[in-house]
PDB file of N, CA and C in Angstrom:
ATOM      1  N   MET A   1      51.532 -54.227-169.857  1.00  0.00           N
ATOM      2  CA  MET A   1      52.181 -54.907-171.095  1.00  0.00           C
ATOM      3  C   MET A   1      52.983 -54.007-171.772  1.00  0.00           C
ATOM      4  N   ALA A   2      54.126 -54.433-172.296  1.00  0.00           N
ATOM      5  CA  ALA A   2      55.111 -53.698-172.989  1.00  0.00           C
ATOM      6  C   ALA A   2      54.535 -53.209-174.485  1.00  0.00           C
ATOM      7  N   LYS A   3      54.937 -51.965-174.823  1.00  0.00           N
ATOM      8  CA  LYS A   3      54.548 -51.487-176.081  1.00  0.00           C
ATOM      9  C   LYS A   3      55.458 -52.178-177.190  1.00  0.00           C
ATOM     10  N   PRO A   4      55.053 -52.487-178.370  1.00  0.00           N
ATOM     11  CA  PRO A   4      55.845 -52.985-179.463  1.00  0.00           C
ATOM     12  C   PRO A   4      56.804 -51.860-179.741  1.00  0.00           C
ATOM     13  N   THR A   5      58.055 -52.253-179.957  1.00  0.00           N
ATOM     14  CA  THR A   5      59.062 -51.144-180.308  1.00  0.00           C
ATOM     15  C   THR A   5      59.100 -50.550-181.655  1.00  0.00           C
ATOM     16  N   GLY A   6      58.650 -51.381-182.750  1.00  0.00           N
ATOM     17  CA  GLY A   6      58.534 -50.698-183.998  1.00  0.00           C
ATOM     18  C   GLY A   6      59.649 -49.959-184.583  1.00  0.00           C
ATOM     19  N   VAL A   7      59.373 -48.698-184.776  1.00  0.00           N
ATOM     20  CA  VAL A   7      60.399 -47.810-185.344  1.00  0.00           C
ATOM     21  C   VAL A   7      61.285 -47.321-184.295  1.00  0.00           C
ATOM     22  N   ARG A   8      60.936 -47.147-183.223  1.00  0.00           N
ATOM     23  CA  ARG A   8      61.884 -46.611-181.977  1.00  0.00           C
ATOM     24  C   ARG A   8      62.260 -47.714-181.011  1.00  0.00           C
ATOM     25  N   PRO A   9      63.243 -48.571-181.348  1.00  0.00           N
ATOM     26  CA  PRO A   9      63.718 -49.625-180.403  1.00  0.00           C
ATOM     27  C   PRO A   9      64.541 -48.973-179.194  1.00  0.00           C
ATOM     28  N   ILE A  10      64.481 -49.528-178.186  1.00  0.00           N
ATOM     29  CA  ILE A  10      65.391 -49.158-176.944  1.00  0.00           C
ATOM     30  C   ILE A  10      66.846 -49.735-177.210  1.00  0.00           C
ATOM     31  N   VAL A  11      67.808 -48.913-177.121  1.00  0.00           N
ATOM     32  CA  VAL A  11      69.116 -49.350-177.490  1.00  0.00           C
ATOM     33  C   VAL A  11      70.110 -49.011-176.189  1.00  0.00           C
ATOM     34  N   LYS A  12      71.160 -49.754-176.071  1.00  0.00           N
ATOM     35  CA  LYS A  12      72.047 -49.502-175.034  1.00  0.00           C
ATOM     36  C   LYS A  12      73.258 -48.943-175.474  1.00  0.00           C
ATOM     37  N   LEU A  13      73.771 -47.855-175.067  1.00  0.00           N
ATOM     38  CA  LEU A  13      74.991 -47.146-175.454  1.00  0.00           C
ATOM     39  C   LEU A  13      76.038 -47.396-174.579  1.00  0.00           C
ATOM     40  N   ARG A  14      77.226 -48.094-175.065  1.00  0.00           N
ATOM     41  CA  ARG A  14      78.362 -48.483-174.143  1.00  0.00           C
ATOM     42  C   ARG A  14      79.522 -47.477-174.432  1.00  0.00           C
ATOM     43  N   SER A  15      80.216 -47.112-173.334  1.00  0.00           N
ATOM     44  CA  SER A  15      81.382 -46.257-173.478  1.00  0.00           C
ATOM     45  C   SER A  15      82.552 -46.937-174.141  1.00  0.00           C
ATOM     46  N   THR A  16      83.361 -46.164-175.094  1.00  0.00           N
ATOM     47  CA  THR A  16      84.438 -46.664-175.686  1.00  0.00           C
ATOM     48  C   THR A  16      85.721 -46.383-174.874  1.00  0.00           C
ATOM     49  N   ALA A  17      85.425 -45.654-173.740  1.00  0.00           N
ATOM     50  CA  ALA A  17      86.571 -45.480-172.853  1.00  0.00           C
ATOM     51  C   ALA A  17      87.066 -46.655-171.958  1.00  0.00           C
ATOM     52  N   GLY A  18      86.245 -47.749-172.040  1.00  0.00           N
ATOM     53  CA  GLY A  18      86.578 -49.065-171.428  1.00  0.00           C
ATOM     54  C   GLY A  18      86.179 -48.941-169.875  1.00  0.00           C
ATOM     55  N   THR A  19      85.265 -48.075-169.450  1.00  0.00           N
ATOM     56  CA  THR A  19      84.867 -48.130-168.188  1.00  0.00           C
ATOM     57  C   THR A  19      83.580 -49.040-167.979  1.00  0.00           C
ATOM     58  N   GLY A  20      82.960 -49.368-169.031  1.00  0.00           N
ATOM     59  CA  GLY A  20      81.781 -50.187-168.899  1.00  0.00           C
ATOM     60  C   GLY A  20      80.448 -49.545-168.638  1.00  0.00           C
ATOM     61  N   TYR A  21      80.566 -48.034-168.510  1.00  0.00           N
ATOM     62  CA  TYR A  21      79.447 -47.389-168.345  1.00  0.00           C
ATOM     63  C   TYR A  21      78.482 -47.399-169.500  1.00  0.00           C
ATOM     64  N   THR A  22      77.081 -47.298-169.218  1.00  0.00           N
ATOM     65  CA  THR A  22      76.126 -47.383-170.300  1.00  0.00           C
ATOM     66  C   THR A  22      74.980 -46.455-170.145  1.00  0.00           C
ATOM     67  N   TYR A  23      74.548 -45.927-171.210  1.00  0.00           N
ATOM     68  CA  TYR A  23      73.296 -45.187-171.365  1.00  0.00           C
ATOM     69  C   TYR A  23      72.294 -45.917-172.005  1.00  0.00           C
ATOM     70  N   VAL A  24      70.974 -45.806-171.682  1.00  0.00           N
ATOM     71  CA  VAL A  24      69.819 -46.436-172.394  1.00  0.00           C
ATOM     72  C   VAL A  24      69.123 -45.394-172.945  1.00  0.00           C
ATOM     73  N   THR A  25      68.786 -45.522-174.225  1.00  0.00           N
ATOM     74  CA  THR A  25      68.051 -44.554-175.015  1.00  0.00           C
ATOM     75  C   THR A  25      67.127 -45.210-176.163  1.00  0.00           C
ATOM     76  N   ARG A  26      66.374 -44.391-176.693  1.00  0.00           N
ATOM     77  CA  ARG A  26      65.656 -44.893-177.881  1.00  0.00           C
ATOM     78  C   ARG A  26      66.261 -44.199-179.143  1.00  0.00           C
ATOM     79  N   LYS A  27      66.108 -44.923-180.299  1.00  0.00           N
ATOM     80  CA  LYS A  27      66.623 -44.374-181.683  1.00  0.00           C
ATOM     81  C   LYS A  27      65.531 -44.536-182.663  1.00  0.00           C
ATOM     82  N   ASN A  28      65.605 -43.724-183.647  1.00  0.00           N
ATOM     83  CA  ASN A  28      64.588 -43.767-184.771  1.00  0.00           C
ATOM     84  C   ASN A  28      65.335 -44.701-185.923  1.00  0.00           C
ATOM     85  N   ARG A  29      64.774 -45.904-186.131  1.00  0.00           N
ATOM     86  CA  ARG A  29      65.431 -46.635-187.031  1.00  0.00           C
ATOM     87  C   ARG A  29      65.400 -46.221-188.491  1.00  0.00           C
ATOM     88  N   ARG A  30      64.416 -45.404-188.863  1.00  0.00           N
ATOM     89  CA  ARG A  30      64.405 -44.870-190.325  1.00  0.00           C
ATOM     90  C   ARG A  30      65.472 -43.712-190.320  1.00  0.00           C
ATOM     91  N   ASN A  31      65.778 -42.878-189.388  1.00  0.00           N
ATOM     92  CA  ASN A  31      66.773 -41.803-189.496  1.00  0.00           C
ATOM     93  C   ASN A  31      68.147 -42.432-189.262  1.00  0.00           C
ATOM     94  N   ASP A  32      68.381 -43.486-188.427  1.00  0.00           N
ATOM     95  CA  ASP A  32      69.594 -44.004-188.015  1.00  0.00           C
ATOM     96  C   ASP A  32      69.650 -45.347-188.201  1.00  0.00           C
ATOM     97  N   PRO A  33      69.731 -45.995-189.430  1.00  0.00           N
ATOM     98  CA  PRO A  33      69.610 -47.357-189.571  1.00  0.00           C
ATOM     99  C   PRO A  33      70.912 -48.156-189.153  1.00  0.00           C
ATOM    100  N   GLY A  34      71.957 -47.520-189.162  1.00  0.00           N
ATOM    101  CA  GLY A  34      73.253 -48.103-188.657  1.00  0.00           C
ATOM    102  C   GLY A  34      73.404 -47.972-187.078  1.00  0.00           C
ATOM    103  N   ARG A  35      74.571 -48.416-186.574  1.00  0.00           N
ATOM    104  CA  ARG A  35      74.806 -48.292-185.176  1.00  0.00           C
ATOM    105  C   ARG A  35      74.912 -46.755-184.700  1.00  0.00           C
ATOM    106  N   LEU A  36      74.251 -46.484-183.608  1.00  0.00           N
ATOM    107  CA  LEU A  36      74.301 -45.090-183.166  1.00  0.00           C
ATOM    108  C   LEU A  36      75.540 -44.800-182.406  1.00  0.00           C
ATOM    109  N   VAL A  37      76.152 -43.562-182.697  1.00  0.00           N
ATOM    110  CA  VAL A  37      77.400 -43.140-181.923  1.00  0.00           C
ATOM    111  C   VAL A  37      77.108 -41.730-181.413  1.00  0.00           C
ATOM    112  N   LEU A  38      77.186 -41.582-180.133  1.00  0.00           N
ATOM    113  CA  LEU A  38      76.954 -40.231-179.507  1.00  0.00           C
ATOM    114  C   LEU A  38      78.040 -39.965-178.501  1.00  0.00           C
ATOM    115  N   ARG A  39      78.480 -38.641-178.500  1.00  0.00           N
ATOM    116  CA  ARG A  39      79.511 -38.158-177.642  1.00  0.00           C
ATOM    117  C   ARG A  39      78.786 -37.718-176.354  1.00  0.00           C
ATOM    118  N   LYS A  40      78.997 -38.571-175.178  1.00  0.00           N
ATOM    119  CA  LYS A  40      78.253 -38.133-174.063  1.00  0.00           C
ATOM    120  C   LYS A  40      79.225 -38.204-172.794  1.00  0.00           C
ATOM    121  N   TYR A  41      78.818 -37.820-171.686  1.00  0.00           N
ATOM    122  CA  TYR A  41      79.887 -37.708-170.533  1.00  0.00           C
ATOM    123  C   TYR A  41      79.834 -39.022-169.828  1.00  0.00           C
ATOM    124  N   ASP A  42      81.048 -39.502-169.578  1.00  0.00           N
ATOM    125  CA  ASP A  42      81.292 -40.761-168.894  1.00  0.00           C
ATOM    126  C   ASP A  42      81.800 -40.432-167.462  1.00  0.00           C
ATOM    127  N   PRO A  43      80.915 -40.572-166.507  1.00  0.00           N
ATOM    128  CA  PRO A  43      81.308 -40.162-165.095  1.00  0.00           C
ATOM    129  C   PRO A  43      82.413 -41.101-164.485  1.00  0.00           C
ATOM    130  N   MET A  44      82.521 -42.235-164.992  1.00  0.00           N
ATOM    131  CA  MET A  44      83.704 -43.149-164.414  1.00  0.00           C
ATOM    132  C   MET A  44      85.014 -42.648-164.963  1.00  0.00           C
ATOM    133  N   ALA A  45      85.082 -42.051-166.117  1.00  0.00           N
ATOM    134  CA  ALA A  45      86.332 -41.604-166.707  1.00  0.00           C
ATOM    135  C   ALA A  45      86.429 -40.037-166.466  1.00  0.00           C
ATOM    136  N   ARG A  46      85.366 -39.430-165.986  1.00  0.00           N
ATOM    137  CA  ARG A  46      85.350 -37.929-165.623  1.00  0.00           C
ATOM    138  C   ARG A  46      85.643 -37.165-166.962  1.00  0.00           C
ATOM    139  N   ARG A  47      85.125 -37.533-168.079  1.00  0.00           N
ATOM    140  CA  ARG A  47      85.336 -36.788-169.288  1.00  0.00           C
ATOM    141  C   ARG A  47      84.260 -37.303-170.325  1.00  0.00           C
ATOM    142  N   HIS A  48      84.170 -36.534-171.433  1.00  0.00           N
ATOM    143  CA  HIS A  48      83.359 -36.901-172.511  1.00  0.00           C
ATOM    144  C   HIS A  48      83.951 -38.094-173.352  1.00  0.00           C
ATOM    145  N   ALA A  49      83.191 -39.026-173.764  1.00  0.00           N
ATOM    146  CA  ALA A  49      83.737 -40.074-174.710  1.00  0.00           C
ATOM    147  C   ALA A  49      82.665 -40.489-175.655  1.00  0.00           C
ATOM    148  N   GLU A  50      83.066 -41.211-176.594  1.00  0.00           N
ATOM    149  CA  GLU A  50      82.188 -41.831-177.590  1.00  0.00           C
ATOM    150  C   GLU A  50      81.414 -42.966-176.959  1.00  0.00           C
ATOM    151  N   PHE A  51      80.047 -42.980-177.127  1.00  0.00           N
ATOM    152  CA  PHE A  51      79.196 -44.078-176.726  1.00  0.00           C
ATOM    153  C   PHE A  51      78.663 -44.726-178.015  1.00  0.00           C
ATOM    154  N   ARG A  52      78.891 -46.081-178.154  1.00  0.00           N
ATOM    155  CA  ARG A  52      78.466 -46.697-179.321  1.00  0.00           C
ATOM    156  C   ARG A  52      77.402 -47.595-178.919  1.00  0.00           C
ATOM    157  N   GLU A  53      76.409 -47.893-179.881  1.00  0.00           N
ATOM    158  CA  GLU A  53      75.284 -48.635-179.718  1.00  0.00           C
ATOM    159  C   GLU A  53      75.862 -50.190-179.516  1.00  0.00           C
ATOM    160  N   ASP A  54      75.237 -50.850-178.499  1.00  0.00           N
ATOM    161  CA  ASP A  54      75.721 -52.093-178.148  1.00  0.00           C
ATOM    162  C   ASP A  54      74.547 -53.182-178.559  1.00  0.00           C
ATOM    163  N   ARG A  55      74.776 -53.942-179.537  1.00  0.00           N
ATOM    164  CA  ARG A  55      73.752 -54.787-179.910  1.00  0.00           C
ATOM    165  C   ARG A  55      73.731 -56.207-179.039  1.00  0.00           C
ATOM    166  N   SER A  56      72.683 -56.219-178.381  1.00  0.00           N
ATOM    167  CA  SER A  56      72.666 -57.358-177.459  1.00  0.00           C
ATOM    168  C   SER A  56      71.458 -58.368-177.708  1.00  0.00           C
TER     169      SER A  56
END
């Protein structure tokens, strides 16, 4: 059975480079109440890009 997400929901980070590549991570809702933005490596674009939280 799945654990309740509570304070740490699972979020999908989508690349802003337009490649459609995604990362899946958890975030702390108390520390980051807004949308999460991280700079990570995009292997499709072969460079670092901003990844923004995708609300689905």
